[in-house]
């Protein structure tokens, strides 16, 4: 199927906007907030929406079922990056990228060998979230120091990486089964370019902080993928996407309020 130029331009503009917005959050607010928002359905929403637009809503809905389990492969990518990318600068980025991609590919290959249901995919990722949160509990929180503005090369690299990944995922979706399309849609389209730039500009420590808090934000992604897998066909892509974002936002609000309540309770007990 030939994809209209307008759709391609829309993918490009949306990808660029999302990555730059996430970068602003990290530099203006905190790497912890950026880690949580990296788990918001940004890249996944873009990928699944355009897969549905270019192929069919039913294909995207079927893929979204496998996306539920695919988030565990994304967690594996973060773990591989954290394990291998401990050096600052470009060597750390290259080593972290290699380790992360190997871990993601291995986990994704394993997941596509099974017939995964909505419940099964959700339970797999929930178990992975708990496991990685436990593994990361001793990783220290390190803020990215303010730089007083963005450099154009860094902005171009962020935008180019995100757009390239989106185009690769949606392009491959035309030639791979829905299971692989769904797993690829779970790839951290917005987080990975952000990690690369953060690593190059501020070193490995704040990158570890983003990865540490990424699992906590995945609940919103699970809500989104589960919702669109149920609504893309009966409601259509536009309304299904809106319903997915509503479900993801409600979960994120509930999670952050729950975390704030728990923190206040711990403070009153000490």
Protein backbone atom coordinates (compact mmCIF):
# COMPACT_ATOMS: atom_id res chain seq x y z
CA UNK A 1 0.00 0.00 0.00
CA UNK A 2 1.31 3.43 -0.97
CA UNK A 3 1.21 5.76 2.02
CA UNK A 4 0.02 9.30 1.18
CA UNK A 5 2.58 12.05 1.65
CA UNK A 6 0.30 13.84 4.11
CA UNK A 7 0.34 10.87 6.46
CA UNK A 8 4.12 10.71 6.27
CA UNK A 9 4.42 14.41 7.11
CA UNK A 10 2.00 13.97 10.01
CA UNK A 11 4.12 11.14 11.42
CA UNK A 12 7.22 13.31 11.13
CA UNK A 13 5.70 16.35 12.83
CA UNK A 14 4.07 14.38 15.66
CA UNK A 15 7.27 12.42 16.38
CA UNK A 16 9.38 15.57 16.53
CA UNK A 17 6.91 17.39 18.79
CA UNK A 18 6.65 14.55 21.29
CA UNK A 19 10.41 14.05 21.68
CA UNK A 20 11.09 17.74 22.11
CA UNK A 21 8.33 18.02 24.70
CA UNK A 22 9.82 15.18 26.72
CA UNK A 23 13.24 16.80 26.55
CA UNK A 24 11.84 20.06 27.91
CA UNK A 25 10.28 18.20 30.84
CA UNK A 26 13.60 16.60 31.74
CA UNK A 27 15.62 19.80 31.59
CA UNK A 28 13.00 22.14 33.08
CA UNK A 29 11.46 19.82 35.67
CA UNK A 30 13.28 16.60 36.58
CA UNK A 31 14.66 13.36 35.20
CA UNK A 32 12.25 11.51 37.51
CA UNK A 33 9.29 13.24 35.83
CA UNK A 34 10.78 12.47 32.44
CA UNK A 35 11.13 8.81 33.38
CA UNK A 36 7.48 8.63 34.40
CA UNK A 37 6.32 10.45 31.25
CA UNK A 38 8.47 8.14 29.12
CA UNK A 39 5.98 5.49 30.14
CA UNK A 40 3.07 7.61 28.87
CA UNK A 41 1.66 6.33 25.53
CA UNK A 42 3.53 8.69 23.26
CA UNK A 43 5.57 6.70 20.75
CA UNK A 44 3.30 3.65 21.09
CA UNK A 45 0.23 5.75 20.36
CA UNK A 46 1.86 7.21 17.25
CA UNK A 47 2.97 3.80 15.99
CA UNK A 48 -0.33 1.99 16.59
CA UNK A 49 -2.41 4.85 15.17
CA UNK A 50 -0.47 5.02 11.92
CA UNK A 51 -0.34 1.22 11.62
CA UNK A 52 -4.13 1.28 11.87
CA UNK A 53 -4.37 4.15 9.41
CA UNK A 54 -2.04 2.61 6.82
CA UNK A 55 -3.10 -1.06 7.16
CA UNK A 56 -6.38 -1.45 9.08
CA UNK A 57 -7.83 -0.80 12.54
CA UNK A 58 -8.31 -4.54 13.09
CA UNK A 59 -4.63 -5.23 12.34
CA UNK A 60 -3.58 -2.49 14.78
CA UNK A 61 -6.00 -3.78 17.44
CA UNK A 62 -4.61 -7.30 17.09
CA UNK A 63 -1.08 -5.92 17.28
CA UNK A 64 -1.96 -3.95 20.42
CA UNK A 65 -2.64 -7.24 22.21
CA UNK A 66 0.98 -8.22 21.61
CA UNK A 67 2.07 -4.70 22.55
CA UNK A 68 0.85 -5.45 26.07
CA UNK A 69 3.50 -8.14 26.42
CA UNK A 70 5.97 -6.17 24.27
CA UNK A 71 6.44 -3.62 27.04
CA UNK A 72 8.40 -6.26 28.94
CA UNK A 73 10.85 -6.25 26.00
CA UNK A 74 11.08 -2.49 26.41
CA UNK A 75 11.96 -2.99 30.07
CA UNK A 76 14.66 -5.42 28.95
CA UNK A 77 16.03 -2.71 26.64
CA UNK A 78 16.28 -0.29 29.56
CA UNK A 79 18.00 -2.91 31.68
CA UNK A 80 20.47 -3.73 28.92
CA UNK A 81 21.22 -0.05 28.37
CA UNK A 82 21.74 0.55 32.08
CA UNK A 83 24.01 -2.47 32.42
CA UNK A 84 26.19 -1.76 29.40
CA UNK A 85 26.10 2.05 29.16
CA UNK A 86 27.89 2.97 32.38
CA UNK A 87 30.57 5.13 30.75
CA UNK A 88 30.00 8.78 29.92
CA UNK A 89 30.07 10.16 26.41
CA UNK A 90 29.76 8.41 23.06
CA UNK A 91 31.39 5.11 24.18
CA UNK A 92 28.73 4.76 26.85
CA UNK A 93 25.93 5.56 24.38
CA UNK A 94 27.18 3.00 21.86
CA UNK A 95 27.68 0.28 24.48
CA UNK A 96 24.32 1.03 26.11
CA UNK A 97 22.54 1.01 22.75
CA UNK A 98 24.12 -2.31 21.78
CA UNK A 99 23.25 -3.91 25.11
CA UNK A 100 19.72 -2.52 25.07
CA UNK A 101 18.94 -3.61 21.52
CA UNK A 102 20.26 -7.12 22.10
CA UNK A 103 18.12 -7.45 25.23
CA UNK A 104 15.06 -6.05 23.41
CA UNK A 105 15.47 -8.32 20.39
CA UNK A 106 15.94 -11.42 22.56
CA UNK A 107 12.86 -10.64 24.64
CA UNK A 108 10.80 -9.72 21.58
CA UNK A 109 11.75 -12.91 19.75
CA UNK A 110 10.71 -14.96 22.77
CA UNK A 111 7.38 -13.16 23.10
CA UNK A 112 6.40 -13.61 19.44
CA UNK A 113 6.72 -17.38 19.78
CA UNK A 114 3.63 -17.53 22.00
CA UNK A 115 -0.05 -16.91 21.34
CA UNK A 116 -0.62 -14.08 23.81
CA UNK A 117 -4.02 -12.95 25.09
CA UNK A 118 -4.90 -9.59 26.62
CA UNK A 119 -4.77 -11.06 30.11
CA UNK A 120 -1.56 -12.96 29.46
CA UNK A 121 0.22 -9.97 27.94
CA UNK A 122 -0.83 -7.74 30.83
CA UNK A 123 0.30 -10.23 33.46
CA UNK A 124 3.67 -10.74 31.73
CA UNK A 125 4.42 -7.03 31.76
CA UNK A 126 3.11 -6.50 35.30
CA UNK A 127 5.48 -9.20 36.51
CA UNK A 128 8.33 -7.57 34.57
CA UNK A 129 7.50 -4.15 36.06
CA UNK A 130 7.68 -5.50 39.61
CA UNK A 131 10.92 -7.34 38.87
CA UNK A 132 12.65 -4.32 37.34
CA UNK A 133 11.44 -1.92 40.03
CA UNK A 134 13.00 -4.23 42.58
CA UNK A 135 16.23 -4.46 40.58
CA UNK A 136 16.42 -0.66 40.28
CA UNK A 137 15.59 0.18 43.90
CA UNK A 138 19.22 0.97 44.77
CA UNK A 139 19.90 3.11 41.68
CA UNK A 140 20.45 6.68 42.96
CA UNK A 141 18.37 9.61 41.69
CA UNK A 142 20.52 12.10 39.80
CA UNK A 143 19.10 15.29 38.32
CA UNK A 144 20.20 16.63 34.95
CA UNK A 145 21.72 20.07 35.62
CA UNK A 146 20.08 22.95 33.71
CA UNK A 147 21.95 23.97 30.60
CA UNK A 148 20.25 27.26 29.86
CA UNK A 149 18.84 26.29 26.48
CA UNK A 150 18.91 23.68 23.78
CA UNK A 151 21.49 23.21 21.06
CA UNK A 152 20.24 22.82 17.53
CA UNK A 153 22.37 19.70 16.84
CA UNK A 154 20.89 18.02 19.91
CA UNK A 155 17.36 18.95 18.85
CA UNK A 156 17.97 17.64 15.34
CA UNK A 157 19.36 14.37 16.66
CA UNK A 158 16.41 13.84 18.99
CA UNK A 159 13.91 14.57 16.26
CA UNK A 160 15.72 12.52 13.63
CA UNK A 161 16.03 9.43 15.82
CA UNK A 162 12.39 9.48 16.89
CA UNK A 163 11.07 10.06 13.38
CA UNK A 164 13.37 7.39 11.96
CA UNK A 165 12.19 4.81 14.51
CA UNK A 166 8.51 5.62 13.86
CA UNK A 167 8.98 5.31 10.09
CA UNK A 168 10.87 2.03 10.54
CA UNK A 169 8.19 0.51 12.80
CA UNK A 170 5.24 1.54 10.64
CA UNK A 171 7.08 0.51 7.48
CA UNK A 172 7.95 -2.95 8.79
CA UNK A 173 4.37 -3.40 9.96
CA UNK A 174 3.39 -3.81 6.30
CA UNK A 175 5.55 -6.94 5.91
CA UNK A 176 5.55 -8.64 9.34
CA UNK A 177 2.78 -10.46 11.26
CA UNK A 178 0.65 -8.49 13.70
CA UNK A 179 2.52 -10.09 16.62
CA UNK A 180 5.82 -8.52 15.57
CA UNK A 181 4.09 -5.25 14.67
CA UNK A 182 2.66 -5.11 18.18
CA UNK A 183 6.00 -5.85 19.84
CA UNK A 184 7.71 -3.20 17.70
CA UNK A 185 5.01 -0.67 18.64
CA UNK A 186 6.12 -1.13 22.25
CA UNK A 187 9.65 0.06 21.38
CA UNK A 188 10.49 3.21 23.41
CA UNK A 189 10.31 5.60 20.47
CA UNK A 190 10.43 8.73 22.61
CA UNK A 191 12.55 7.45 25.47
CA UNK A 192 15.48 6.06 23.48
CA UNK A 193 16.40 9.32 21.63
CA UNK A 194 15.98 11.15 24.93
CA UNK A 195 18.37 8.72 26.66
CA UNK A 196 20.97 9.20 23.93
CA UNK A 197 20.94 13.00 24.19
CA UNK A 198 20.82 12.97 27.98
CA UNK A 199 23.75 10.56 28.03
CA UNK A 200 25.83 12.66 25.63
CA UNK A 201 25.13 15.94 27.42
CA UNK A 202 24.95 14.96 31.10
CA UNK A 203 26.55 11.53 31.40
CA UNK A 204 25.36 8.12 32.53
CA UNK A 205 24.05 9.03 36.01
CA UNK A 206 20.86 10.94 35.02
CA UNK A 207 20.20 8.32 32.32
CA UNK A 208 20.13 5.69 35.06
CA UNK A 209 17.54 7.81 36.91
CA UNK A 210 15.25 7.94 33.89
CA UNK A 211 15.54 4.17 33.38
CA UNK A 212 14.92 3.59 37.10
CA UNK A 213 11.56 5.41 37.03
CA UNK A 214 10.46 4.14 33.61
CA UNK A 215 8.78 0.94 34.92
CA UNK A 216 6.53 2.99 37.24
CA UNK A 217 5.11 4.84 34.24
CA UNK A 218 4.36 1.70 32.23
CA UNK A 219 0.98 1.26 33.87
CA UNK A 220 -0.40 4.04 31.68
CA UNK A 221 0.98 2.30 28.58
CA UNK A 222 -0.69 -0.95 29.59
CA UNK A 223 -3.99 0.89 30.05
CA UNK A 224 -3.60 2.53 26.65
CA UNK A 225 -2.74 -0.63 24.72
CA UNK A 226 -5.50 -2.62 26.43
CA UNK A 227 -8.05 0.11 25.68
CA UNK A 228 -7.20 0.54 21.98
CA UNK A 229 -7.12 -3.23 21.46
CA UNK A 230 -10.79 -3.19 22.49
CA UNK A 231 -11.92 0.09 20.88
CA UNK A 232 -10.09 0.50 17.56
CA UNK A 233 -12.55 -1.71 15.66
CA UNK A 234 -15.91 -0.67 17.19
CA UNK A 235 -15.09 3.03 17.70
CA UNK A 236 -12.55 3.73 14.97
CA UNK A 237 -8.99 5.01 15.24
CA UNK A 238 -9.75 8.57 16.37
CA UNK A 239 -12.20 7.74 19.15
CA UNK A 240 -10.26 4.64 20.13
CA UNK A 241 -7.11 6.74 20.52
CA UNK A 242 -8.93 9.32 22.64
CA UNK A 243 -10.35 6.56 24.83
CA UNK A 244 -6.87 5.09 25.20
CA UNK A 245 -5.38 8.41 26.27
CA UNK A 246 -8.20 8.93 28.75
CA UNK A 247 -7.52 5.54 30.34
CA UNK A 248 -3.77 6.17 30.42
CA UNK A 249 -4.20 9.62 31.97
CA UNK A 250 -6.52 8.36 34.68
CA UNK A 251 -4.01 5.67 35.61
CA UNK A 252 -1.10 8.13 35.68
CA UNK A 253 -3.05 10.56 37.88
CA UNK A 254 -4.02 7.75 40.25
CA UNK A 255 -0.43 6.52 40.40
CA UNK A 256 1.11 9.92 41.11
CA UNK A 257 -1.48 10.72 43.78
CA UNK A 258 -0.94 7.33 45.35
CA UNK A 259 2.80 7.89 45.40
CA UNK A 260 2.35 11.33 46.97
CA UNK A 261 0.06 9.87 49.65
CA UNK A 262 2.54 7.11 50.44
CA UNK A 263 5.40 9.61 50.69
CA UNK A 264 3.43 11.81 53.11
CA UNK A 265 2.55 8.76 55.21
CA UNK A 266 6.19 7.70 55.39
CA UNK A 267 7.19 11.20 56.47
CA UNK A 268 4.60 11.26 59.27
CA UNK A 269 5.74 7.84 60.50
CA UNK A 270 9.40 8.89 60.79
